[in-house]
Amino acid sequence: IKAFVFDKFDNGESNYNYLRELRNSIVHRGYDITCASHFNDNFPMLLAPESIPNRNANEEYLAFGLYIIELIEKIESVIGDIIFDHVQIIDLYKQTYTTEEQIELLVKFITKIKFIPESVRKMAQEEIPKIDFSKINSDKFSNFEKIIKYNVFPRKEIEVRP
């Protein structure tokens, strides 16, 4: 929740709750995020609701930006790290099978495929033990990290034009 601190006045919990309740309002209660907007060169800038009540309407959370795109930009700047940290915490990086088990499973799989010519099957069975499964796993998660941490929004302030 500390990752959702976008200003000095919040500990992140209120912003997280705002996001959660905004999402729930849209998905479960039919809130229309297009109901209020400003236009910037004929492009609608959707306004974020100033506040969002929780489901019981006994608490209210304040917006941490004027526009929906501004909220998204702020979330985008932290969400990749949050997901990546979670993946590390739950040990998703850890290989499920040993190299020997992976070789055995792949050989069995290739054996069961009926449309592979026998010469290709034999060649595959000879080459499978040469595959570096730990490198594949390492590369897979290295690429995952690059993708998940990529931020499509440049760091700049969004111009407010009422």
N, C-alpha and C. Protein backbone atom coordinates (compact mmCIF):
# COMPACT_ATOMS: atom_id res chain seq x y z
N ILE A 1 0.83 -1.20 0.00
CA ILE A 1 0.00 0.00 0.00
C ILE A 1 0.87 1.26 0.00
N LYS A 2 2.09 1.14 0.52
CA LYS A 2 2.98 2.30 0.52
C LYS A 2 3.30 2.77 -0.89
N ALA A 3 3.24 1.87 -1.85
CA ALA A 3 3.52 2.24 -3.25
C ALA A 3 2.46 3.19 -3.80
N PHE A 4 1.29 3.24 -3.17
CA PHE A 4 0.21 4.10 -3.65
C PHE A 4 0.22 5.49 -3.01
N VAL A 5 1.34 5.85 -2.40
CA VAL A 5 1.49 7.20 -1.87
C VAL A 5 1.91 8.09 -3.04
N PHE A 6 1.02 8.99 -3.43
CA PHE A 6 1.30 9.88 -4.55
C PHE A 6 1.43 11.33 -4.12
N ASP A 7 1.17 11.60 -2.86
CA ASP A 7 1.37 12.93 -2.32
C ASP A 7 1.70 12.78 -0.85
N LYS A 8 2.14 13.85 -0.25
CA LYS A 8 2.60 13.78 1.14
C LYS A 8 1.47 13.68 2.16
N PHE A 9 0.21 13.78 1.72
CA PHE A 9 -0.91 13.80 2.66
C PHE A 9 -1.56 12.44 2.87
N ASP A 10 -1.07 11.41 2.20
CA ASP A 10 -1.72 10.11 2.28
C ASP A 10 -0.69 9.03 2.56
N ASN A 11 -1.10 7.99 3.26
CA ASN A 11 -0.20 6.87 3.51
C ASN A 11 -0.33 5.78 2.46
N GLY A 12 -1.11 6.04 1.43
CA GLY A 12 -1.31 5.08 0.35
C GLY A 12 -2.59 4.28 0.49
N GLU A 13 -3.05 4.11 1.70
CA GLU A 13 -4.25 3.29 1.93
C GLU A 13 -5.49 3.93 1.33
N SER A 14 -5.64 5.22 1.50
CA SER A 14 -6.80 5.92 0.95
C SER A 14 -6.80 5.86 -0.58
N ASN A 15 -5.63 6.03 -1.19
CA ASN A 15 -5.53 5.95 -2.65
C ASN A 15 -5.85 4.54 -3.14
N TYR A 16 -5.33 3.54 -2.45
CA TYR A 16 -5.62 2.15 -2.81
C TYR A 16 -7.12 1.89 -2.69
N ASN A 17 -7.73 2.35 -1.60
CA ASN A 17 -9.17 2.16 -1.41
C ASN A 17 -9.98 2.91 -2.47
N TYR A 18 -9.52 4.09 -2.84
CA TYR A 18 -10.20 4.84 -3.90
C TYR A 18 -10.20 4.03 -5.19
N LEU A 19 -9.04 3.50 -5.55
CA LEU A 19 -8.93 2.69 -6.78
C LEU A 19 -9.82 1.46 -6.72
N ARG A 20 -9.78 0.78 -5.59
CA ARG A 20 -10.59 -0.43 -5.43
C ARG A 20 -12.07 -0.10 -5.56
N GLU A 21 -12.51 0.96 -4.89
CA GLU A 21 -13.93 1.31 -4.93
C GLU A 21 -14.34 1.90 -6.27
N LEU A 22 -13.43 2.60 -6.95
CA LEU A 22 -13.73 3.09 -8.30
C LEU A 22 -13.93 1.90 -9.22
N ARG A 23 -13.05 0.95 -9.14
CA ARG A 23 -13.18 -0.26 -9.95
C ARG A 23 -14.49 -0.98 -9.64
N ASN A 24 -14.79 -1.16 -8.36
CA ASN A 24 -16.03 -1.84 -7.96
C ASN A 24 -17.26 -1.05 -8.41
N SER A 25 -17.17 0.27 -8.35
CA SER A 25 -18.30 1.10 -8.79
C SER A 25 -18.56 0.93 -10.28
N ILE A 26 -17.50 0.83 -11.05
CA ILE A 26 -17.63 0.65 -12.51
C ILE A 26 -18.13 -0.75 -12.83
N VAL A 27 -17.47 -1.75 -12.27
CA VAL A 27 -17.76 -3.14 -12.62
C VAL A 27 -19.06 -3.64 -12.02
N HIS A 28 -19.31 -3.33 -10.76
CA HIS A 28 -20.45 -3.93 -10.07
C HIS A 28 -21.67 -3.02 -9.92
N ARG A 29 -21.43 -1.71 -9.92
CA ARG A 29 -22.54 -0.81 -9.68
C ARG A 29 -22.87 0.09 -10.87
N GLY A 30 -22.20 -0.14 -11.99
CA GLY A 30 -22.54 0.54 -13.23
C GLY A 30 -22.14 1.99 -13.32
N TYR A 31 -21.16 2.43 -12.55
CA TYR A 31 -20.73 3.83 -12.63
C TYR A 31 -20.17 4.09 -14.03
N ASP A 32 -20.58 5.19 -14.64
CA ASP A 32 -20.15 5.55 -15.98
C ASP A 32 -19.03 6.58 -15.89
N ILE A 33 -17.80 6.17 -16.19
CA ILE A 33 -16.67 7.10 -16.06
C ILE A 33 -16.68 8.16 -17.15
N THR A 34 -17.56 8.03 -18.13
CA THR A 34 -17.64 9.04 -19.19
C THR A 34 -18.65 10.13 -18.88
N CYS A 35 -19.22 10.12 -17.69
CA CYS A 35 -20.29 11.07 -17.38
C CYS A 35 -19.78 12.50 -17.16
N ALA A 36 -18.48 12.69 -16.97
CA ALA A 36 -17.95 14.04 -16.78
C ALA A 36 -16.59 14.14 -17.44
N SER A 37 -16.40 15.18 -18.23
CA SER A 37 -15.11 15.33 -18.90
C SER A 37 -14.87 16.77 -19.31
N HIS A 38 -13.61 17.06 -19.55
CA HIS A 38 -13.19 18.28 -20.21
C HIS A 38 -12.71 17.86 -21.59
N PHE A 39 -12.63 18.82 -22.50
CA PHE A 39 -12.11 18.49 -23.83
C PHE A 39 -10.81 19.24 -24.05
N ASN A 40 -9.84 18.50 -24.57
CA ASN A 40 -8.54 19.05 -24.89
C ASN A 40 -8.31 18.79 -26.38
N ASP A 41 -8.46 19.82 -27.20
CA ASP A 41 -8.34 19.67 -28.66
C ASP A 41 -9.25 18.56 -29.17
N ASN A 42 -10.51 18.62 -28.81
CA ASN A 42 -11.53 17.64 -29.22
C ASN A 42 -11.30 16.24 -28.66
N PHE A 43 -10.42 16.10 -27.69
CA PHE A 43 -10.18 14.81 -27.05
C PHE A 43 -10.78 14.86 -25.65
N PRO A 44 -11.69 13.94 -25.32
CA PRO A 44 -12.31 13.98 -23.99
C PRO A 44 -11.33 13.55 -22.90
N MET A 45 -11.20 14.40 -21.92
CA MET A 45 -10.38 14.09 -20.74
C MET A 45 -11.36 13.73 -19.62
N LEU A 46 -11.52 12.44 -19.38
CA LEU A 46 -12.49 11.96 -18.40
C LEU A 46 -12.10 12.40 -17.00
N LEU A 47 -13.04 12.99 -16.31
CA LEU A 47 -12.79 13.45 -14.95
C LEU A 47 -12.97 12.31 -13.95
N ALA A 48 -12.04 12.21 -13.04
CA ALA A 48 -12.16 11.22 -11.97
C ALA A 48 -13.19 11.74 -10.96
N PRO A 49 -14.02 10.87 -10.43
CA PRO A 49 -14.95 11.32 -9.39
C PRO A 49 -14.16 11.90 -8.22
N GLU A 50 -14.62 13.02 -7.70
CA GLU A 50 -13.90 13.67 -6.59
C GLU A 50 -13.77 12.75 -5.39
N SER A 51 -14.80 11.94 -5.17
CA SER A 51 -14.75 10.97 -4.08
C SER A 51 -15.57 9.76 -4.48
N ILE A 52 -15.24 8.66 -3.85
CA ILE A 52 -15.94 7.39 -4.11
C ILE A 52 -16.29 6.78 -2.76
N PRO A 53 -17.55 6.44 -2.55
CA PRO A 53 -17.92 5.77 -1.29
C PRO A 53 -17.60 4.28 -1.38
N ASN A 54 -17.42 3.68 -0.21
CA ASN A 54 -17.28 2.22 -0.23
C ASN A 54 -18.66 1.60 -0.42
N ARG A 55 -18.71 0.29 -0.49
CA ARG A 55 -19.97 -0.40 -0.81
C ARG A 55 -21.08 -0.09 0.20
N ASN A 56 -20.72 0.05 1.44
CA ASN A 56 -21.72 0.33 2.47
C ASN A 56 -22.03 1.82 2.58
N ALA A 57 -21.32 2.62 1.82
CA ALA A 57 -21.49 4.08 1.83
C ALA A 57 -21.24 4.69 3.20
N ASN A 58 -20.44 4.01 4.02
CA ASN A 58 -20.12 4.58 5.33
C ASN A 58 -18.71 5.17 5.37
N GLU A 59 -17.97 5.05 4.26
CA GLU A 59 -16.66 5.69 4.14
C GLU A 59 -16.53 6.24 2.73
N GLU A 60 -15.72 7.28 2.60
CA GLU A 60 -15.54 7.91 1.31
C GLU A 60 -14.05 8.14 1.09
N TYR A 61 -13.60 7.91 -0.14
CA TYR A 61 -12.19 8.06 -0.47
C TYR A 61 -12.05 9.15 -1.53
N LEU A 62 -11.07 10.02 -1.33
CA LEU A 62 -10.87 11.16 -2.23
C LEU A 62 -9.95 10.82 -3.40
N ALA A 63 -10.23 11.42 -4.54
CA ALA A 63 -9.42 11.21 -5.74
C ALA A 63 -8.02 11.79 -5.52
N PHE A 64 -7.04 11.16 -6.13
CA PHE A 64 -5.67 11.66 -6.05
C PHE A 64 -5.21 12.22 -7.40
N GLY A 65 -6.20 12.65 -8.18
CA GLY A 65 -5.94 13.29 -9.46
C GLY A 65 -7.24 13.81 -10.03
N LEU A 66 -7.16 14.74 -10.96
CA LEU A 66 -8.35 15.32 -11.56
C LEU A 66 -8.94 14.44 -12.65
N TYR A 67 -8.05 13.84 -13.46
CA TYR A 67 -8.49 13.06 -14.61
C TYR A 67 -8.25 11.56 -14.40
N ILE A 68 -9.08 10.74 -15.04
CA ILE A 68 -8.90 9.28 -15.00
C ILE A 68 -7.52 8.93 -15.54
N ILE A 69 -7.11 9.58 -16.63
CA ILE A 69 -5.80 9.28 -17.23
C ILE A 69 -4.67 9.63 -16.26
N GLU A 70 -4.88 10.62 -15.43
CA GLU A 70 -3.89 11.01 -14.42
C GLU A 70 -3.78 9.91 -13.36
N LEU A 71 -4.92 9.35 -12.96
CA LEU A 71 -4.90 8.24 -12.01
C LEU A 71 -4.15 7.05 -12.61
N ILE A 72 -4.47 6.76 -13.86
CA ILE A 72 -3.82 5.63 -14.55
C ILE A 72 -2.32 5.86 -14.64
N GLU A 73 -1.92 7.08 -14.97
CA GLU A 73 -0.50 7.39 -15.09
C GLU A 73 0.21 7.17 -13.76
N LYS A 74 -0.40 7.57 -12.68
CA LYS A 74 0.22 7.39 -11.36
C LYS A 74 0.29 5.91 -10.99
N ILE A 75 -0.76 5.18 -11.27
CA ILE A 75 -0.77 3.74 -10.98
C ILE A 75 0.26 3.02 -11.83
N GLU A 76 0.31 3.39 -13.10
CA GLU A 76 1.24 2.76 -14.04
C GLU A 76 2.68 2.90 -13.57
N SER A 77 2.97 3.98 -12.87
CA SER A 77 4.34 4.22 -12.42
C SER A 77 4.76 3.28 -11.30
N VAL A 78 3.80 2.61 -10.65
CA VAL A 78 4.15 1.73 -9.52
C VAL A 78 3.67 0.29 -9.67
N ILE A 79 2.69 0.04 -10.51
CA ILE A 79 2.04 -1.28 -10.52
C ILE A 79 2.98 -2.39 -10.98
N GLY A 80 3.87 -2.09 -11.93
CA GLY A 80 4.81 -3.11 -12.39
C GLY A 80 5.69 -3.61 -11.27
N ASP A 81 6.21 -2.69 -10.47
CA ASP A 81 7.04 -3.08 -9.33
C ASP A 81 6.25 -3.88 -8.31
N ILE A 82 5.00 -3.50 -8.09
CA ILE A 82 4.16 -4.23 -7.13
C ILE A 82 3.95 -5.67 -7.60
N ILE A 83 3.61 -5.83 -8.86
CA ILE A 83 3.39 -7.18 -9.41
C ILE A 83 4.68 -7.97 -9.37
N PHE A 84 5.78 -7.36 -9.78
CA PHE A 84 7.06 -8.05 -9.80
C PHE A 84 7.47 -8.50 -8.40
N ASP A 85 7.31 -7.62 -7.42
CA ASP A 85 7.63 -7.99 -6.03
C ASP A 85 6.78 -9.16 -5.57
N HIS A 86 5.50 -9.15 -5.93
CA HIS A 86 4.61 -10.24 -5.54
C HIS A 86 5.06 -11.57 -6.18
N VAL A 87 5.45 -11.50 -7.44
CA VAL A 87 5.93 -12.70 -8.14
C VAL A 87 7.15 -13.27 -7.43
N GLN A 88 8.02 -12.40 -6.96
CA GLN A 88 9.20 -12.87 -6.22
C GLN A 88 8.82 -13.45 -4.86
N ILE A 89 7.89 -12.80 -4.17
CA ILE A 89 7.48 -13.26 -2.85
C ILE A 89 6.87 -14.66 -2.92
N ILE A 90 6.06 -14.92 -3.95
CA ILE A 90 5.41 -16.24 -4.05
C ILE A 90 6.27 -17.25 -4.80
N ASP A 91 7.53 -16.88 -5.07
CA ASP A 91 8.50 -17.80 -5.69
C ASP A 91 8.09 -18.30 -7.06
N LEU A 92 7.46 -17.46 -7.82
CA LEU A 92 7.07 -17.86 -9.17
C LEU A 92 8.29 -18.08 -10.05
N TYR A 93 9.42 -17.52 -9.66
CA TYR A 93 10.66 -17.69 -10.41
C TYR A 93 11.21 -19.11 -10.29
N LYS A 94 10.86 -19.75 -9.20
CA LYS A 94 11.41 -21.08 -8.96
C LYS A 94 10.89 -22.06 -10.01
N GLN A 95 11.82 -22.85 -10.56
CA GLN A 95 11.41 -23.85 -11.53
C GLN A 95 10.54 -24.90 -10.86
N THR A 96 9.47 -25.29 -11.55
CA THR A 96 8.54 -26.28 -11.02
C THR A 96 9.13 -27.68 -11.07
N TYR A 97 9.86 -27.96 -12.15
CA TYR A 97 10.43 -29.29 -12.36
C TYR A 97 11.95 -29.18 -12.48
N THR A 98 12.63 -30.25 -12.11
CA THR A 98 14.07 -30.30 -12.32
C THR A 98 14.32 -30.44 -13.82
N THR A 99 15.56 -30.21 -14.22
CA THR A 99 15.91 -30.37 -15.64
C THR A 99 15.62 -31.79 -16.11
N GLU A 100 15.94 -32.77 -15.28
CA GLU A 100 15.70 -34.17 -15.64
C GLU A 100 14.20 -34.44 -15.83
N GLU A 101 13.38 -33.90 -14.94
CA GLU A 101 11.93 -34.07 -15.06
C GLU A 101 11.40 -33.38 -16.33
N GLN A 102 11.93 -32.22 -16.64
CA GLN A 102 11.49 -31.51 -17.84
C GLN A 102 11.86 -32.29 -19.10
N ILE A 103 13.06 -32.84 -19.11
CA ILE A 103 13.48 -33.66 -20.26
C ILE A 103 12.56 -34.86 -20.41
N GLU A 104 12.29 -35.54 -19.31
CA GLU A 104 11.43 -36.72 -19.33
C GLU A 104 10.02 -36.36 -19.83
N LEU A 105 9.46 -35.29 -19.33
CA LEU A 105 8.12 -34.87 -19.75
C LEU A 105 8.08 -34.51 -21.24
N LEU A 106 9.10 -33.81 -21.71
CA LEU A 106 9.13 -33.40 -23.11
C LEU A 106 9.31 -34.60 -24.04
N VAL A 107 10.16 -35.54 -23.65
CA VAL A 107 10.34 -36.76 -24.45
C VAL A 107 9.03 -37.54 -24.52
N LYS A 108 8.35 -37.67 -23.39
CA LYS A 108 7.06 -38.37 -23.37
C LYS A 108 6.04 -37.66 -24.27
N PHE A 109 6.03 -36.35 -24.19
CA PHE A 109 5.10 -35.56 -25.00
C PHE A 109 5.35 -35.79 -26.49
N ILE A 110 6.62 -35.71 -26.88
CA ILE A 110 6.99 -35.89 -28.29
C ILE A 110 6.63 -37.31 -28.75
N THR A 111 6.80 -38.28 -27.87
CA THR A 111 6.50 -39.67 -28.21
C THR A 111 5.02 -39.85 -28.52
N LYS A 112 4.16 -39.10 -27.84
CA LYS A 112 2.71 -39.26 -27.99
C LYS A 112 2.14 -38.55 -29.23
N ILE A 113 2.88 -37.64 -29.82
CA ILE A 113 2.37 -36.91 -30.98
C ILE A 113 2.45 -37.82 -32.20
N LYS A 114 1.32 -38.11 -32.78
CA LYS A 114 1.23 -39.09 -33.86
C LYS A 114 1.68 -38.56 -35.23
N PHE A 115 1.56 -37.27 -35.48
CA PHE A 115 1.83 -36.76 -36.81
C PHE A 115 3.29 -36.36 -37.04
N ILE A 116 4.17 -36.52 -36.06
CA ILE A 116 5.59 -36.21 -36.23
C ILE A 116 6.26 -37.39 -36.95
N PRO A 117 6.97 -37.12 -38.03
CA PRO A 117 7.70 -38.21 -38.70
C PRO A 117 8.71 -38.84 -37.74
N GLU A 118 8.92 -40.12 -37.87
CA GLU A 118 9.80 -40.85 -36.94
C GLU A 118 11.21 -40.28 -36.92
N SER A 119 11.73 -39.85 -38.07
CA SER A 119 13.09 -39.29 -38.10
C SER A 119 13.17 -38.00 -37.29
N VAL A 120 12.11 -37.19 -37.37
CA VAL A 120 12.06 -35.93 -36.61
C VAL A 120 11.92 -36.23 -35.12
N ARG A 121 11.10 -37.21 -34.79
CA ARG A 121 10.91 -37.60 -33.40
C ARG A 121 12.24 -38.05 -32.79
N LYS A 122 12.98 -38.88 -33.54
CA LYS A 122 14.27 -39.40 -33.05
C LYS A 122 15.25 -38.24 -32.85
N MET A 123 15.31 -37.32 -33.82
CA MET A 123 16.22 -36.18 -33.72
C MET A 123 15.84 -35.31 -32.51
N ALA A 124 14.54 -35.09 -32.31
CA ALA A 124 14.08 -34.28 -31.18
C ALA A 124 14.47 -34.93 -29.86
N GLN A 125 14.30 -36.24 -29.78
CA GLN A 125 14.63 -36.95 -28.54
C GLN A 125 16.13 -36.90 -28.24
N GLU A 126 16.94 -36.81 -29.27
CA GLU A 126 18.39 -36.68 -29.07
C GLU A 126 18.77 -35.26 -28.65
N GLU A 127 18.03 -34.27 -29.14
CA GLU A 127 18.37 -32.87 -28.88
C GLU A 127 17.79 -32.34 -27.57
N ILE A 128 16.68 -32.89 -27.14
CA ILE A 128 16.01 -32.40 -25.92
C ILE A 128 16.95 -32.37 -24.71
N PRO A 129 17.76 -33.39 -24.46
CA PRO A 129 18.65 -33.33 -23.30
C PRO A 129 19.68 -32.20 -23.36
N LYS A 130 19.90 -31.61 -24.51
CA LYS A 130 20.86 -30.53 -24.66
C LYS A 130 20.26 -29.16 -24.32
N ILE A 131 18.96 -29.10 -24.12
CA ILE A 131 18.27 -27.83 -23.83
C ILE A 131 18.61 -27.38 -22.41
N ASP A 132 18.95 -26.12 -22.27
CA ASP A 132 19.25 -25.54 -20.95
C ASP A 132 17.96 -24.93 -20.39
N PHE A 133 17.20 -25.76 -19.67
CA PHE A 133 15.90 -25.32 -19.15
C PHE A 133 16.04 -24.23 -18.10
N SER A 134 17.11 -24.25 -17.33
CA SER A 134 17.28 -23.19 -16.33
C SER A 134 17.52 -21.85 -17.00
N LYS A 135 18.25 -21.83 -18.13
CA LYS A 135 18.45 -20.59 -18.88
C LYS A 135 17.13 -20.11 -19.48
N ILE A 136 16.34 -21.03 -20.00
CA ILE A 136 15.03 -20.66 -20.55
C ILE A 136 14.18 -20.01 -19.46
N ASN A 137 14.16 -20.62 -18.28
CA ASN A 137 13.39 -20.07 -17.16
C ASN A 137 13.91 -18.70 -16.75
N SER A 138 15.22 -18.58 -16.66
CA SER A 138 15.83 -17.30 -16.29
C SER A 138 15.51 -16.21 -17.32
N ASP A 139 15.65 -16.55 -18.60
CA ASP A 139 15.35 -15.59 -19.67
C ASP A 139 13.87 -15.21 -19.66
N LYS A 140 13.02 -16.20 -19.41
CA LYS A 140 11.57 -15.95 -19.39
C LYS A 140 11.23 -14.91 -18.33
N PHE A 141 11.80 -15.04 -17.14
CA PHE A 141 11.46 -14.10 -16.09
C PHE A 141 12.21 -12.78 -16.22
N SER A 142 13.35 -12.81 -16.87
CA SER A 142 14.03 -11.55 -17.16
C SER A 142 13.20 -10.74 -18.14
N ASN A 143 12.67 -11.40 -19.16
CA ASN A 143 11.80 -10.72 -20.12
C ASN A 143 10.50 -10.28 -19.45
N PHE A 144 9.96 -11.10 -18.58
CA PHE A 144 8.75 -10.75 -17.83
C PHE A 144 8.99 -9.47 -17.03
N GLU A 145 10.15 -9.39 -16.37
CA GLU A 145 10.46 -8.20 -15.57
C GLU A 145 10.51 -6.95 -16.45
N LYS A 146 11.13 -7.05 -17.61
CA LYS A 146 11.21 -5.90 -18.52
C LYS A 146 9.82 -5.46 -18.96
N ILE A 147 8.99 -6.42 -19.28
CA ILE A 147 7.63 -6.11 -19.76
C ILE A 147 6.79 -5.51 -18.64
N ILE A 148 6.81 -6.14 -17.48
CA ILE A 148 5.93 -5.72 -16.38
C ILE A 148 6.34 -4.36 -15.82
N LYS A 149 7.61 -4.03 -15.91
CA LYS A 149 8.08 -2.76 -15.37
C LYS A 149 8.10 -1.64 -16.41
N TYR A 150 7.74 -1.97 -17.65
CA TYR A 150 7.71 -0.95 -18.69
C TYR A 150 6.55 0.00 -18.43
N ASN A 151 6.83 1.29 -18.46
CA ASN A 151 5.81 2.30 -18.21
C ASN A 151 5.56 3.06 -19.50
N VAL A 152 4.33 2.94 -20.00
CA VAL A 152 4.00 3.58 -21.28
C VAL A 152 3.81 5.09 -21.16
N PHE A 153 3.70 5.58 -19.95
CA PHE A 153 3.47 7.01 -19.75
C PHE A 153 4.78 7.73 -19.48
N PRO A 154 5.07 8.75 -20.27
CA PRO A 154 6.26 9.56 -19.93
C PRO A 154 5.96 10.36 -18.68
N ARG A 155 6.98 10.64 -17.92
CA ARG A 155 6.79 11.44 -16.70
C ARG A 155 6.64 12.91 -17.07
N LYS A 156 5.41 13.36 -17.12
CA LYS A 156 5.14 14.78 -17.35
C LYS A 156 3.79 15.08 -16.71
N GLU A 157 3.61 16.31 -16.41
CA GLU A 157 2.36 16.73 -15.80
C GLU A 157 1.27 16.82 -16.90
N ILE A 158 0.07 16.42 -16.53
CA ILE A 158 -1.06 16.52 -17.45
C ILE A 158 -1.63 17.94 -17.32
N GLU A 159 -1.77 18.59 -18.46
CA GLU A 159 -2.25 19.97 -18.47
C GLU A 159 -3.76 19.99 -18.19
N VAL A 160 -4.15 20.81 -17.25
CA VAL A 160 -5.55 20.95 -16.89
C VAL A 160 -6.14 22.09 -17.72
N ARG A 161 -7.19 21.73 -18.50
CA ARG A 161 -7.85 22.73 -19.33
C ARG A 161 -9.35 22.64 -19.15
N PRO A 162 -9.90 23.32 -18.19
CA PRO A 162 -11.36 23.23 -18.00
C PRO A 162 -12.12 23.88 -19.14
